[in-house]
């Protein structure tokens, strides 16, 4: 269990899952550059966060709900949490001015396309679900990802595998935060649209890092051969 002062931004999970170096540049080195993709995402989230709480007979929608998990060491807020009616007390919570029990369901708004981006949003969504489970003491079996481009929602099951991915990522984030060590660059196709590409310089630094690794291995091999002689 982590203390209040140890909690890392939950929003960092999205950056971390997309690229550990990107997360470190932002959260360890305070580097940030905006491009058209991050700007569109920021505007989308601002629209979500500026809206009022919605209440309908079949669902209550709460926006910018504060979240935290002392087990994972994360804190932040959800874009939207919907509360849906359930029949069993063990599955939901009671809400003011509402009868029965209501199960929380996080909704994450996304702008980035592509498989890497989709995975990052699913991990972030699952982390929100784990926070809600810890805070409210009820299960959160699934969440929703809203695509701001297509304006469609996709259900995401918060599976055992996805939960394990969140837990592993959270531990790794805390490890890097403790050591204050920025991972070495690794140039990938995802780097093409990254807003930190100029700061990161993945092509140049990745090539230099590869050369450094080669030289270290070669020197180590030479020392081993000398010891054998």
C-alpha atoms as a PDB file:
ATOM      1  CA  UNK A   1       0.000   0.000   0.000  1.00  0.00           C
ATOM      2  CA  UNK A   2       1.246   3.466  -0.904  1.00  0.00           C
ATOM      3  CA  UNK A   3       0.826   6.634   1.129  1.00  0.00           C
ATOM      4  CA  UNK A   4      -0.885   9.837   0.049  1.00  0.00           C
ATOM      5  CA  UNK A   5       2.433  11.457  -0.900  1.00  0.00           C
ATOM      6  CA  UNK A   6       3.435   8.472  -3.028  1.00  0.00           C
ATOM      7  CA  UNK A   7       0.507   8.580  -5.456  1.00  0.00           C
ATOM      8  CA  UNK A   8       1.441   9.091  -9.109  1.00  0.00           C
ATOM      9  CA  UNK A   9      -0.880  10.639 -11.736  1.00  0.00           C
ATOM     10  CA  UNK A  10      -3.257   8.013 -13.054  1.00  0.00           C
ATOM     11  CA  UNK A  11      -3.263   9.806 -16.413  1.00  0.00           C
ATOM     12  CA  UNK A  12       0.399   8.882 -16.787  1.00  0.00           C
ATOM     13  CA  UNK A  13      -0.566   5.253 -17.414  1.00  0.00           C
ATOM     14  CA  UNK A  14      -1.720   6.160 -20.897  1.00  0.00           C
ATOM     15  CA  UNK A  15       1.655   7.732 -21.744  1.00  0.00           C
ATOM     16  CA  UNK A  16       3.521   4.903 -20.012  1.00  0.00           C
ATOM     17  CA  UNK A  17       1.719   2.136 -21.885  1.00  0.00           C
ATOM     18  CA  UNK A  18       2.240   3.933 -25.183  1.00  0.00           C
ATOM     19  CA  UNK A  19       5.947   4.521 -24.451  1.00  0.00           C
ATOM     20  CA  UNK A  20       7.894   4.349 -21.180  1.00  0.00           C
ATOM     21  CA  UNK A  21      10.367   6.957 -22.400  1.00  0.00           C
ATOM     22  CA  UNK A  22       7.524   9.348 -23.255  1.00  0.00           C
ATOM     23  CA  UNK A  23       6.190   8.976 -19.703  1.00  0.00           C
ATOM     24  CA  UNK A  24       9.633   9.627 -18.229  1.00  0.00           C
ATOM     25  CA  UNK A  25      10.237  12.706 -20.381  1.00  0.00           C
ATOM     26  CA  UNK A  26       6.924  14.165 -19.179  1.00  0.00           C
ATOM     27  CA  UNK A  27       6.853  13.085 -15.537  1.00  0.00           C
ATOM     28  CA  UNK A  28      10.562  12.943 -14.692  1.00  0.00           C
ATOM     29  CA  UNK A  29      12.029  15.637 -16.920  1.00  0.00           C
ATOM     30  CA  UNK A  30       8.953  17.923 -17.219  1.00  0.00           C
ATOM     31  CA  UNK A  31       9.157  17.924 -21.016  1.00  0.00           C
ATOM     32  CA  UNK A  32       6.011  18.536 -23.076  1.00  0.00           C
ATOM     33  CA  UNK A  33       5.274  19.536 -26.650  1.00  0.00           C
ATOM     34  CA  UNK A  34       1.819  19.768 -28.196  1.00  0.00           C
ATOM     35  CA  UNK A  35       0.901  18.765 -31.743  1.00  0.00           C
ATOM     36  CA  UNK A  36      -2.397  18.493 -33.616  1.00  0.00           C
ATOM     37  CA  UNK A  37      -3.179  15.112 -32.048  1.00  0.00           C
ATOM     38  CA  UNK A  38      -2.621  16.191 -28.436  1.00  0.00           C
ATOM     39  CA  UNK A  39      -4.456  19.480 -29.072  1.00  0.00           C
ATOM     40  CA  UNK A  40      -7.529  17.678 -30.397  1.00  0.00           C
ATOM     41  CA  UNK A  41      -7.427  15.307 -27.452  1.00  0.00           C
ATOM     42  CA  UNK A  42      -7.158  18.190 -24.993  1.00  0.00           C
ATOM     43  CA  UNK A  43     -10.139  19.979 -26.549  1.00  0.00           C
ATOM     44  CA  UNK A  44     -12.169  16.767 -26.447  1.00  0.00           C
ATOM     45  CA  UNK A  45     -11.445  16.295 -22.739  1.00  0.00           C
ATOM     46  CA  UNK A  46     -12.229  19.929 -21.968  1.00  0.00           C
ATOM     47  CA  UNK A  47     -15.652  19.516 -23.525  1.00  0.00           C
ATOM     48  CA  UNK A  48     -16.268  16.425 -21.433  1.00  0.00           C
ATOM     49  CA  UNK A  49     -15.120  18.049 -18.197  1.00  0.00           C
ATOM     50  CA  UNK A  50     -17.132  21.227 -18.712  1.00  0.00           C
ATOM     51  CA  UNK A  51     -20.513  19.478 -18.838  1.00  0.00           C
ATOM     52  CA  UNK A  52     -22.988  19.133 -15.964  1.00  0.00           C
ATOM     53  CA  UNK A  53     -23.881  15.953 -14.081  1.00  0.00           C
ATOM     54  CA  UNK A  54     -26.578  14.117 -16.024  1.00  0.00           C
ATOM     55  CA  UNK A  55     -29.348  12.107 -14.452  1.00  0.00           C
ATOM     56  CA  UNK A  56     -31.775   9.829 -16.294  1.00  0.00           C
ATOM     57  CA  UNK A  57     -34.014   7.050 -14.955  1.00  0.00           C
ATOM     58  CA  UNK A  58     -31.710   4.284 -16.241  1.00  0.00           C
ATOM     59  CA  UNK A  59     -28.303   5.898 -15.617  1.00  0.00           C
ATOM     60  CA  UNK A  60     -26.624   8.593 -13.567  1.00  0.00           C
ATOM     61  CA  UNK A  61     -23.572  10.207 -15.153  1.00  0.00           C
ATOM     62  CA  UNK A  62     -20.867  11.787 -13.007  1.00  0.00           C
ATOM     63  CA  UNK A  63     -18.113  13.779 -14.751  1.00  0.00           C
ATOM     64  CA  UNK A  64     -14.553  14.442 -13.537  1.00  0.00           C
ATOM     65  CA  UNK A  65     -14.922  12.050 -10.622  1.00  0.00           C
ATOM     66  CA  UNK A  66     -11.788  12.026  -8.400  1.00  0.00           C
ATOM     67  CA  UNK A  67     -10.118   8.613  -8.236  1.00  0.00           C
ATOM     68  CA  UNK A  68      -7.357   7.052  -6.182  1.00  0.00           C
ATOM     69  CA  UNK A  69      -5.875   3.664  -5.381  1.00  0.00           C
ATOM     70  CA  UNK A  70      -3.450   3.220  -2.500  1.00  0.00           C
ATOM     71  CA  UNK A  71      -2.803  -0.338  -3.661  1.00  0.00           C
ATOM     72  CA  UNK A  72      -1.624   0.784  -7.096  1.00  0.00           C
ATOM     73  CA  UNK A  73      -0.263   4.130  -5.921  1.00  0.00           C
ATOM     74  CA  UNK A  74      -2.306   6.149  -8.417  1.00  0.00           C
ATOM     75  CA  UNK A  75      -4.600   9.175  -8.247  1.00  0.00           C
ATOM     76  CA  UNK A  76      -6.482  11.244 -10.813  1.00  0.00           C
ATOM     77  CA  UNK A  77      -9.946  11.608 -12.217  1.00  0.00           C
ATOM     78  CA  UNK A  78     -12.282   9.844 -14.626  1.00  0.00           C
ATOM     79  CA  UNK A  79     -13.676  11.559 -17.710  1.00  0.00           C
ATOM     80  CA  UNK A  80     -17.076  10.051 -16.939  1.00  0.00           C
ATOM     81  CA  UNK A  81     -18.406   7.437 -14.541  1.00  0.00           C
ATOM     82  CA  UNK A  82     -21.858   6.059 -15.296  1.00  0.00           C
ATOM     83  CA  UNK A  83     -23.870   4.367 -12.565  1.00  0.00           C
ATOM     84  CA  UNK A  84     -26.159   1.633 -13.881  1.00  0.00           C
ATOM     85  CA  UNK A  85     -28.936  -0.126 -11.930  1.00  0.00           C
ATOM     86  CA  UNK A  86     -28.247  -3.648 -10.628  1.00  0.00           C
ATOM     87  CA  UNK A  87     -30.388  -6.076  -8.639  1.00  0.00           C
ATOM     88  CA  UNK A  88     -27.882  -7.238  -6.022  1.00  0.00           C
ATOM     89  CA  UNK A  89     -26.516  -5.123  -3.178  1.00  0.00           C
ATOM     90  CA  UNK A  90     -23.070  -6.757  -3.541  1.00  0.00           C
ATOM     91  CA  UNK A  91     -22.800  -5.442  -7.100  1.00  0.00           C
ATOM     92  CA  UNK A  92     -23.634  -1.779  -6.565  1.00  0.00           C
ATOM     93  CA  UNK A  93     -23.750   1.220  -4.265  1.00  0.00           C
ATOM     94  CA  UNK A  94     -26.612   3.372  -3.052  1.00  0.00           C
ATOM     95  CA  UNK A  95     -26.991   6.841  -4.533  1.00  0.00           C
ATOM     96  CA  UNK A  96     -28.698   9.896  -3.117  1.00  0.00           C
ATOM     97  CA  UNK A  97     -32.294  10.339  -4.267  1.00  0.00           C
ATOM     98  CA  UNK A  98     -32.165   6.990  -6.070  1.00  0.00           C
ATOM     99  CA  UNK A  99     -33.670   3.673  -5.086  1.00  0.00           C
ATOM    100  CA  UNK A 100     -31.857   0.371  -5.352  1.00  0.00           C
ATOM    101  CA  UNK A 101     -28.208  -0.261  -6.159  1.00  0.00           C
ATOM    102  CA  UNK A 102     -26.020   1.177  -8.889  1.00  0.00           C
ATOM    103  CA  UNK A 103     -22.864  -0.253 -10.439  1.00  0.00           C
ATOM    104  CA  UNK A 104     -20.113   2.133 -11.645  1.00  0.00           C
ATOM    105  CA  UNK A 105     -18.833   2.004 -15.202  1.00  0.00           C
ATOM    106  CA  UNK A 106     -15.938   4.295 -16.262  1.00  0.00           C
ATOM    107  CA  UNK A 107     -15.994   5.923 -19.691  1.00  0.00           C
ATOM    108  CA  UNK A 108     -12.743   7.117 -21.263  1.00  0.00           C
ATOM    109  CA  UNK A 109     -12.686   9.567 -24.180  1.00  0.00           C
ATOM    110  CA  UNK A 110      -9.986   8.985 -26.777  1.00  0.00           C
ATOM    111  CA  UNK A 111      -8.613  10.764 -29.825  1.00  0.00           C
ATOM    112  CA  UNK A 112      -5.618   8.664 -30.861  1.00  0.00           C
ATOM    113  CA  UNK A 113      -6.128   5.899 -33.397  1.00  0.00           C
ATOM    114  CA  UNK A 114      -4.096   2.718 -33.880  1.00  0.00           C
ATOM    115  CA  UNK A 115      -3.455  -0.453 -31.918  1.00  0.00           C
ATOM    116  CA  UNK A 116      -0.852   1.072 -29.582  1.00  0.00           C
ATOM    117  CA  UNK A 117      -3.163   3.928 -28.693  1.00  0.00           C
ATOM    118  CA  UNK A 118      -6.117   1.570 -28.175  1.00  0.00           C
ATOM    119  CA  UNK A 119      -4.101  -0.546 -25.750  1.00  0.00           C
ATOM    120  CA  UNK A 120      -3.025   2.530 -23.796  1.00  0.00           C
ATOM    121  CA  UNK A 121      -6.614   3.728 -23.428  1.00  0.00           C
ATOM    122  CA  UNK A 122      -7.787   0.264 -22.346  1.00  0.00           C
ATOM    123  CA  UNK A 123      -5.089   0.165 -19.646  1.00  0.00           C
ATOM    124  CA  UNK A 124      -6.070   3.630 -18.428  1.00  0.00           C
ATOM    125  CA  UNK A 125      -9.745   2.655 -18.400  1.00  0.00           C
ATOM    126  CA  UNK A 126      -8.999  -0.514 -16.432  1.00  0.00           C
ATOM    127  CA  UNK A 127      -6.984   1.481 -13.882  1.00  0.00           C
ATOM    128  CA  UNK A 128     -10.010   3.718 -13.364  1.00  0.00           C
ATOM    129  CA  UNK A 129     -12.118   0.621 -12.775  1.00  0.00           C
ATOM    130  CA  UNK A 130      -9.643  -0.701 -10.203  1.00  0.00           C
ATOM    131  CA  UNK A 131      -9.711   2.657  -8.409  1.00  0.00           C
ATOM    132  CA  UNK A 132     -13.521   2.568  -8.300  1.00  0.00           C
ATOM    133  CA  UNK A 133     -13.475  -0.971  -6.937  1.00  0.00           C
ATOM    134  CA  UNK A 134     -11.105   0.036  -4.154  1.00  0.00           C
ATOM    135  CA  UNK A 135     -12.989   3.232  -3.326  1.00  0.00           C
ATOM    136  CA  UNK A 136     -16.556   1.874  -3.480  1.00  0.00           C
ATOM    137  CA  UNK A 137     -16.050  -1.782  -2.589  1.00  0.00           C
ATOM    138  CA  UNK A 138     -18.071  -3.112  -5.538  1.00  0.00           C
ATOM    139  CA  UNK A 139     -16.992  -4.933  -8.720  1.00  0.00           C
ATOM    140  CA  UNK A 140     -16.435  -3.018 -11.949  1.00  0.00           C
ATOM    141  CA  UNK A 141     -16.553  -5.660 -14.702  1.00  0.00           C
ATOM    142  CA  UNK A 142     -16.326  -3.361 -17.710  1.00  0.00           C
ATOM    143  CA  UNK A 143     -15.873   0.165 -18.979  1.00  0.00           C
ATOM    144  CA  UNK A 144     -16.487   2.104 -22.171  1.00  0.00           C
ATOM    145  CA  UNK A 145     -14.126   3.874 -24.573  1.00  0.00           C
ATOM    146  CA  UNK A 146     -15.679   6.715 -26.549  1.00  0.00           C
ATOM    147  CA  UNK A 147     -13.980   7.470 -29.860  1.00  0.00           C
ATOM    148  CA  UNK A 148     -14.141  11.201 -30.480  1.00  0.00           C
ATOM    149  CA  UNK A 149     -13.532  10.676 -34.197  1.00  0.00           C
ATOM    150  CA  UNK A 150     -16.277   8.158 -34.932  1.00  0.00           C
ATOM    151  CA  UNK A 151     -18.449   9.204 -31.956  1.00  0.00           C
ATOM    152  CA  UNK A 152     -18.981   5.593 -31.053  1.00  0.00           C
ATOM    153  CA  UNK A 153     -18.543   3.700 -27.801  1.00  0.00           C
ATOM    154  CA  UNK A 154     -16.820   0.359 -27.402  1.00  0.00           C
ATOM    155  CA  UNK A 155     -17.270  -1.872 -24.367  1.00  0.00           C
ATOM    156  CA  UNK A 156     -14.030  -3.065 -22.767  1.00  0.00           C
ATOM    157  CA  UNK A 157     -14.110  -6.033 -20.399  1.00  0.00           C
ATOM    158  CA  UNK A 158     -11.790  -5.492 -17.437  1.00  0.00           C
ATOM    159  CA  UNK A 159     -10.304  -8.955 -17.678  1.00  0.00           C
ATOM    160  CA  UNK A 160      -7.775 -10.629 -15.399  1.00  0.00           C
ATOM    161  CA  UNK A 161      -5.093 -10.139 -18.055  1.00  0.00           C
ATOM    162  CA  UNK A 162      -5.853  -6.426 -18.453  1.00  0.00           C
ATOM    163  CA  UNK A 163      -5.830  -5.930 -14.681  1.00  0.00           C
ATOM    164  CA  UNK A 164      -2.448  -7.662 -14.464  1.00  0.00           C
ATOM    165  CA  UNK A 165      -1.121  -5.320 -17.162  1.00  0.00           C
ATOM    166  CA  UNK A 166      -2.256  -2.312 -15.118  1.00  0.00           C
ATOM    167  CA  UNK A 167      -0.639  -3.621 -11.948  1.00  0.00           C
ATOM    168  CA  UNK A 168       2.656  -4.357 -13.720  1.00  0.00           C
ATOM    169  CA  UNK A 169       2.682  -0.915 -15.364  1.00  0.00           C
ATOM    170  CA  UNK A 170       1.945   0.826 -12.066  1.00  0.00           C
ATOM    171  CA  UNK A 171       4.825  -0.971 -10.336  1.00  0.00           C
ATOM    172  CA  UNK A 172       7.174  -0.138 -13.199  1.00  0.00           C
ATOM    173  CA  UNK A 173       6.125   3.532 -13.079  1.00  0.00           C
ATOM    174  CA  UNK A 174       6.928   3.704  -9.374  1.00  0.00           C
ATOM    175  CA  UNK A 175      10.269   1.992  -9.970  1.00  0.00           C
ATOM    176  CA  UNK A 176      11.284   4.542 -12.617  1.00  0.00           C
ATOM    177  CA  UNK A 177       9.989   7.412 -10.497  1.00  0.00           C
ATOM    178  CA  UNK A 178      12.070   6.186  -7.551  1.00  0.00           C
ATOM    179  CA  UNK A 179      15.256   5.779  -9.583  1.00  0.00           C
ATOM    180  CA  UNK A 180      14.582   8.911 -11.697  1.00  0.00           C
ATOM    181  CA  UNK A 181      15.952   7.013 -14.699  1.00  0.00           C
ATOM    182  CA  UNK A 182      14.650   7.811 -18.191  1.00  0.00           C
ATOM    183  CA  UNK A 183      14.566   4.701 -20.410  1.00  0.00           C
ATOM    184  CA  UNK A 184      16.722   4.645 -23.528  1.00  0.00           C
ATOM    185  CA  UNK A 185      15.003   5.436 -26.845  1.00  0.00           C
ATOM    186  CA  UNK A 186      13.640   2.738 -29.124  1.00  0.00           C
ATOM    187  CA  UNK A 187      12.485   3.992 -32.497  1.00  0.00           C
ATOM    188  CA  UNK A 188       9.080   2.577 -33.492  1.00  0.00           C
ATOM    189  CA  UNK A 189       6.356   3.519 -36.008  1.00  0.00           C
ATOM    190  CA  UNK A 190       4.419   5.097 -33.126  1.00  0.00           C
ATOM    191  CA  UNK A 191       7.202   7.686 -32.816  1.00  0.00           C
ATOM    192  CA  UNK A 192       6.067   9.312 -36.073  1.00  0.00           C
ATOM    193  CA  UNK A 193       3.022  10.981 -34.447  1.00  0.00           C
ATOM    194  CA  UNK A 194       4.456  11.552 -30.978  1.00  0.00           C
ATOM    195  CA  UNK A 195       4.421  15.181 -29.848  1.00  0.00           C
ATOM    196  CA  UNK A 196       7.776  14.645 -28.091  1.00  0.00           C
ATOM    197  CA  UNK A 197       9.620  13.349 -31.138  1.00  0.00           C
ATOM    198  CA  UNK A 198      11.879  16.408 -31.413  1.00  0.00           C
ATOM    199  CA  UNK A 199      12.674  16.301 -27.703  1.00  0.00           C
ATOM    200  CA  UNK A 200      13.165  12.541 -27.629  1.00  0.00           C
ATOM    201  CA  UNK A 201      15.150  12.241 -30.889  1.00  0.00           C
ATOM    202  CA  UNK A 202      14.425   8.502 -31.087  1.00  0.00           C
ATOM    203  CA  UNK A 203      16.181   7.874 -34.434  1.00  0.00           C
ATOM    204  CA  UNK A 204      19.525   9.448 -33.516  1.00  0.00           C
ATOM    205  CA  UNK A 205      19.641   8.327 -29.896  1.00  0.00           C
ATOM    206  CA  UNK A 206      18.430   4.807 -30.688  1.00  0.00           C
ATOM    207  CA  UNK A 207      21.251   4.387 -33.197  1.00  0.00           C
ATOM    208  CA  UNK A 208      23.816   5.718 -30.727  1.00  0.00           C
ATOM    209  CA  UNK A 209      22.416   3.533 -27.941  1.00  0.00           C
ATOM    210  CA  UNK A 210      22.684   0.472 -30.202  1.00  0.00           C
ATOM    211  CA  UNK A 211      26.328   1.289 -30.959  1.00  0.00           C
ATOM    212  CA  UNK A 212      27.070   1.748 -27.255  1.00  0.00           C
ATOM    213  CA  UNK A 213      25.487  -1.616 -26.477  1.00  0.00           C
ATOM    214  CA  UNK A 214      27.551  -3.272 -29.213  1.00  0.00           C
ATOM    215  CA  UNK A 215      30.787  -1.783 -27.874  1.00  0.00           C
ATOM    216  CA  UNK A 216      29.993  -2.858 -24.292  1.00  0.00           C
ATOM    217  CA  UNK A 217      29.269  -6.421 -25.434  1.00  0.00           C
ATOM    218  CA  UNK A 218      32.459  -6.497 -27.505  1.00  0.00           C
ATOM    219  CA  UNK A 219      34.572  -5.262 -24.579  1.00  0.00           C
ATOM    220  CA  UNK A 220      32.946  -7.758 -22.238  1.00  0.00           C
ATOM    221  CA  UNK A 221      33.670 -10.591 -24.690  1.00  0.00           C
ATOM    222  CA  UNK A 222      37.330  -9.519 -24.965  1.00  0.00           C
ATOM    223  CA  UNK A 223      37.722  -9.492 -21.185  1.00  0.00           C
ATOM    224  CA  UNK A 224      36.205 -12.987 -20.965  1.00  0.00           C
ATOM    225  CA  UNK A 225      38.578 -14.334 -23.602  1.00  0.00           C
ATOM    226  CA  UNK A 226      41.542 -12.763 -21.769  1.00  0.00           C
ATOM    227  CA  UNK A 227      40.522 -14.410 -18.502  1.00  0.00           C
ATOM    228  CA  UNK A 228      40.313 -17.809 -20.196  1.00  0.00           C
ATOM    229  CA  UNK A 229      43.851 -17.468 -21.537  1.00  0.00           C
END
